[in-house]
Protein backbone atom coordinates (compact mmCIF):
# COMPACT_ATOMS: atom_id res chain seq x y z
CA MET A 1 0.07 0.00 -0.11
CA THR A 2 1.53 3.31 -1.12
CA TYR A 3 1.20 6.43 1.12
CA LEU A 4 -1.35 7.86 -1.12
CA ASP A 5 -3.49 4.64 -0.57
CA GLU A 6 -2.96 5.11 3.26
CA MET A 7 -4.38 8.71 2.87
CA GLU A 8 -7.39 7.58 1.05
CA HIS A 9 -7.95 4.85 3.47
CA PHE A 10 -7.62 7.18 6.52
CA ALA A 11 -10.07 9.69 4.90
CA ARG A 12 -12.71 7.07 4.17
CA GLN A 13 -12.46 5.61 7.70
CA ASN A 14 -12.89 9.24 9.10
CA ASN A 15 -15.62 10.47 6.90
CA ILE A 16 -13.36 13.03 5.26
CA PRO A 17 -14.57 13.53 1.67
CA VAL A 18 -11.87 12.75 -0.92
CA ILE A 19 -11.79 12.10 -4.56
CA VAL A 20 -12.93 8.74 -5.80
CA PRO A 21 -10.55 6.49 -7.71
CA ALA A 22 -11.89 7.28 -11.19
CA THR A 23 -11.48 11.09 -10.45
CA ARG A 24 -7.87 10.32 -9.04
CA GLU A 25 -7.11 8.60 -12.34
CA TYR A 26 -8.62 11.41 -14.56
CA LEU A 27 -6.52 14.22 -12.64
CA GLN A 28 -3.40 12.18 -12.74
CA ASN A 29 -3.69 11.51 -16.47
CA LEU A 30 -4.48 15.16 -16.92
CA CYS A 31 -1.29 16.19 -15.01
CA ARG A 32 0.93 13.71 -16.94
CA THR A 33 -0.33 14.98 -20.33
CA LYS A 34 -0.72 18.74 -19.67
CA LYS A 35 2.37 19.14 -17.47
CA PRO A 36 1.02 22.05 -15.44
CA LYS A 37 3.57 24.20 -13.72
CA THR A 38 1.03 26.06 -11.46
CA ILE A 39 -2.13 24.44 -9.89
CA LEU A 40 -4.88 26.10 -7.76
CA GLU A 41 -6.99 23.83 -5.69
CA ILE A 42 -10.25 25.06 -3.91
CA GLY A 43 -11.11 22.70 -1.05
CA MET A 44 -8.04 20.68 0.02
CA ALA A 45 -9.31 18.57 2.95
CA ILE A 46 -6.18 16.38 4.12
CA GLY A 47 -4.28 17.00 0.83
CA TYR A 48 -5.14 13.82 -0.94
CA SER A 49 -6.10 15.13 -4.37
CA ALA A 50 -3.24 17.62 -4.27
CA SER A 51 -0.79 14.82 -3.48
CA CYS A 52 -2.22 12.67 -6.24
CA MET A 53 -1.63 15.49 -8.76
CA LEU A 54 1.89 16.43 -7.43
CA SER A 55 2.97 12.73 -7.67
CA VAL A 56 2.80 12.80 -11.43
CA CYS A 57 3.89 16.37 -12.36
CA ASP A 58 6.49 18.93 -11.10
CA ALA A 59 3.89 21.76 -10.41
CA ASN A 60 3.61 24.07 -7.46
CA ILE A 61 0.11 24.14 -5.98
CA VAL A 62 -1.89 26.86 -4.19
CA GLU A 63 -4.46 25.52 -1.79
CA LEU A 64 -7.45 27.30 -0.40
CA GLU A 65 -8.89 25.68 2.75
CA ALA A 66 -10.76 26.76 5.82
CA SER A 67 -10.73 23.73 8.08
CA LEU A 68 -7.74 24.01 10.46
CA PRO A 69 -7.89 20.36 11.50
CA ASN A 70 -7.72 19.33 7.82
CA ILE A 71 -4.82 21.86 7.23
CA GLU A 72 -2.85 20.34 10.11
CA LEU A 73 -3.24 16.79 8.64
CA ALA A 74 -2.50 17.94 5.16
CA ARG A 75 0.70 19.72 6.33
CA LYS A 76 1.84 16.34 7.70
CA ASN A 77 0.90 14.50 4.57
CA PHE A 78 2.77 16.91 2.45
CA ASP A 79 5.81 16.73 4.71
CA LYS A 80 5.71 12.96 4.68
CA LEU A 81 5.62 12.93 0.89
CA GLY A 82 8.29 15.68 0.43
CA TYR A 83 5.89 18.18 -1.10
CA THR A 84 6.02 20.91 1.45
CA ASN A 85 8.14 23.31 -0.66
CA ARG A 86 5.86 22.94 -3.59
CA VAL A 87 2.63 23.74 -1.65
CA ASN A 88 1.22 27.18 -0.54
CA ILE A 89 -1.68 26.87 1.79
CA ILE A 90 -3.97 29.93 2.08
CA VAL A 91 -6.14 29.50 5.16
CA GLY A 92 -9.52 30.98 5.08
CA ASP A 93 -12.96 31.11 3.27
CA CYS A 94 -12.41 30.31 -0.42
CA VAL A 95 -15.03 32.93 -1.56
CA LEU A 96 -13.15 35.68 0.33
CA GLU A 97 -9.62 34.45 -0.51
CA LEU A 98 -10.22 33.93 -4.24
CA PRO A 99 -10.30 37.62 -5.20
CA LYS A 100 -6.80 38.02 -3.51
CA LEU A 101 -5.30 35.94 -6.15
CA ARG A 102 -6.37 38.29 -8.95
CA GLY A 103 -3.62 38.71 -11.49
CA GLN A 104 -2.11 35.24 -11.09
CA GLN A 105 -2.48 32.48 -13.59
CA PHE A 106 -2.94 28.77 -13.18
CA ASP A 107 -2.34 25.95 -15.68
CA LEU A 108 -4.83 23.79 -13.79
CA ILE A 109 -7.67 24.69 -11.37
CA PHE A 110 -9.43 22.08 -9.34
CA LEU A 111 -12.66 23.17 -7.66
CA ASP A 112 -13.64 20.77 -4.88
CA GLY A 113 -14.87 23.15 -2.21
CA PRO A 114 -18.47 23.86 -0.93
CA LYS A 115 -20.74 22.79 -3.85
CA GLY A 116 -23.40 25.31 -3.06
CA ARG A 117 -20.86 28.19 -3.57
CA TYR A 118 -19.34 27.10 -6.94
CA LEU A 119 -21.51 29.62 -8.91
CA GLU A 120 -20.58 32.43 -6.45
CA MET A 121 -16.83 31.66 -6.93
CA LEU A 122 -16.97 31.32 -10.78
CA PRO A 123 -16.37 35.03 -11.68
CA ASP A 124 -13.17 35.05 -9.66
CA ILE A 125 -12.03 31.64 -10.95
CA LEU A 126 -12.14 31.99 -14.76
CA PRO A 127 -9.80 35.00 -14.91
CA LEU A 128 -7.12 32.94 -13.12
CA LEU A 129 -7.13 30.27 -15.73
CA SER A 130 -4.08 30.52 -18.03
CA PRO A 131 -4.82 30.64 -21.84
CA ASP A 132 -4.07 26.80 -22.28
CA GLY A 133 -5.23 25.85 -18.83
CA VAL A 134 -7.84 23.33 -17.65
CA PHE A 135 -10.48 24.16 -14.95
CA VAL A 136 -12.02 20.94 -13.45
CA SER A 137 -14.92 21.02 -10.94
CA ASP A 138 -15.77 17.93 -9.06
CA ASN A 139 -19.25 16.67 -7.92
CA VAL A 140 -21.14 18.76 -10.39
CA LEU A 141 -23.76 15.98 -10.87
CA PHE A 142 -24.23 15.53 -7.14
CA ARG A 143 -25.34 12.00 -6.89
CA GLY A 144 -27.50 12.27 -10.04
CA MET A 145 -29.65 15.01 -8.64
CA VAL A 146 -28.49 17.79 -10.90
CA ARG A 147 -29.09 16.46 -14.27
CA ASP A 148 -30.08 12.82 -14.19
CA GLY A 149 -33.30 13.09 -12.48
CA ALA A 150 -32.38 11.45 -9.24
CA PRO A 151 -34.82 12.55 -6.33
CA ILE A 152 -33.61 14.94 -3.83
CA PRO A 153 -33.79 12.96 -0.52
CA PHE A 154 -33.30 15.80 1.92
CA PRO A 155 -34.44 19.45 1.92
CA ARG A 156 -30.87 20.62 2.77
CA PHE A 157 -29.67 19.42 -0.54
CA GLU A 158 -32.12 21.58 -2.53
CA HIS A 159 -30.02 24.67 -2.51
CA THR A 160 -26.81 22.86 -3.60
CA VAL A 161 -28.69 21.17 -6.49
CA GLU A 162 -30.15 24.52 -7.61
CA GLN A 163 -26.72 26.27 -7.44
CA LEU A 164 -24.95 23.36 -9.23
CA ARG A 165 -27.65 23.37 -12.07
CA GLU A 166 -27.08 27.12 -12.49
CA PHE A 167 -23.37 26.75 -12.33
CA LEU A 168 -23.37 24.33 -15.20
CA ASN A 169 -25.78 26.33 -17.24
CA THR A 170 -23.49 29.37 -16.78
CA LEU A 171 -20.48 27.51 -17.92
CA GLU A 172 -22.30 26.02 -20.96
CA GLN A 173 -23.59 29.35 -22.01
CA ASP A 174 -20.40 31.20 -21.79
CA PRO A 175 -19.13 32.01 -25.40
CA ASP A 176 -15.48 32.25 -24.16
CA ILE A 177 -15.03 28.76 -22.95
CA ASN A 178 -15.56 25.02 -23.88
CA THR A 179 -17.31 22.93 -21.28
CA GLU A 180 -17.57 19.23 -21.24
CA ILE A 181 -19.51 17.31 -18.42
CA LEU A 182 -17.94 14.03 -17.84
CA HIS A 183 -19.72 11.14 -16.06
CA ILE A 184 -16.75 10.40 -13.94
CA GLY A 185 -17.08 9.82 -10.11
CA ASP A 186 -19.81 12.27 -9.09
CA GLY A 187 -19.56 14.20 -12.20
CA LEU A 188 -16.75 16.55 -13.53
CA ALA A 189 -17.12 19.76 -15.56
CA VAL A 190 -13.91 20.36 -17.49
CA VAL A 191 -13.41 23.84 -18.85
CA THR A 192 -10.94 25.23 -21.43
CA LYS A 193 -10.70 28.87 -22.94
CA ARG A 194 -11.74 29.12 -26.56
CA LYS A 195 -8.97 30.31 -28.92
CA ASN A 196 -9.63 33.62 -30.53
């Protein structure tokens, strides 16, 4: 068992949400082919998805994360894997911290933060994407409730589902980007900028 496998096992045992194997495979293949130099991840948890990406490319990564216990675990994981000098963790609410990154460019942006706030973050994310970059959002189909007609089992999910529907519609209607919705894991939206 690799240390990445140990991280995944720990997360599942402790109910910490991390990417599923199919999403891990997709992100790692993307990093192998695109060879990003700069990555932005919104929603780090214990650093599992970041570590998966860093294991197959030589990028530096900026992390936005609000949970102090998760940050502490992530720091230990990055240290164990030797990634500490490639990771910059910004502590705080992602919606408030994103505008502070204005002017920077990232070759890969992975959005895996609070699903009900994806739409709110979108105007601050798209300008950060480099001309040849890729923007990937996780969980956009939200257990089949967003587009596949699965029933919404709890009223507390209604806002999230509504926001994700609007998020996807906004992406697909934007004339400056290409958007592909992939049925990988819980749904991935993959965005690239259109060439002029």
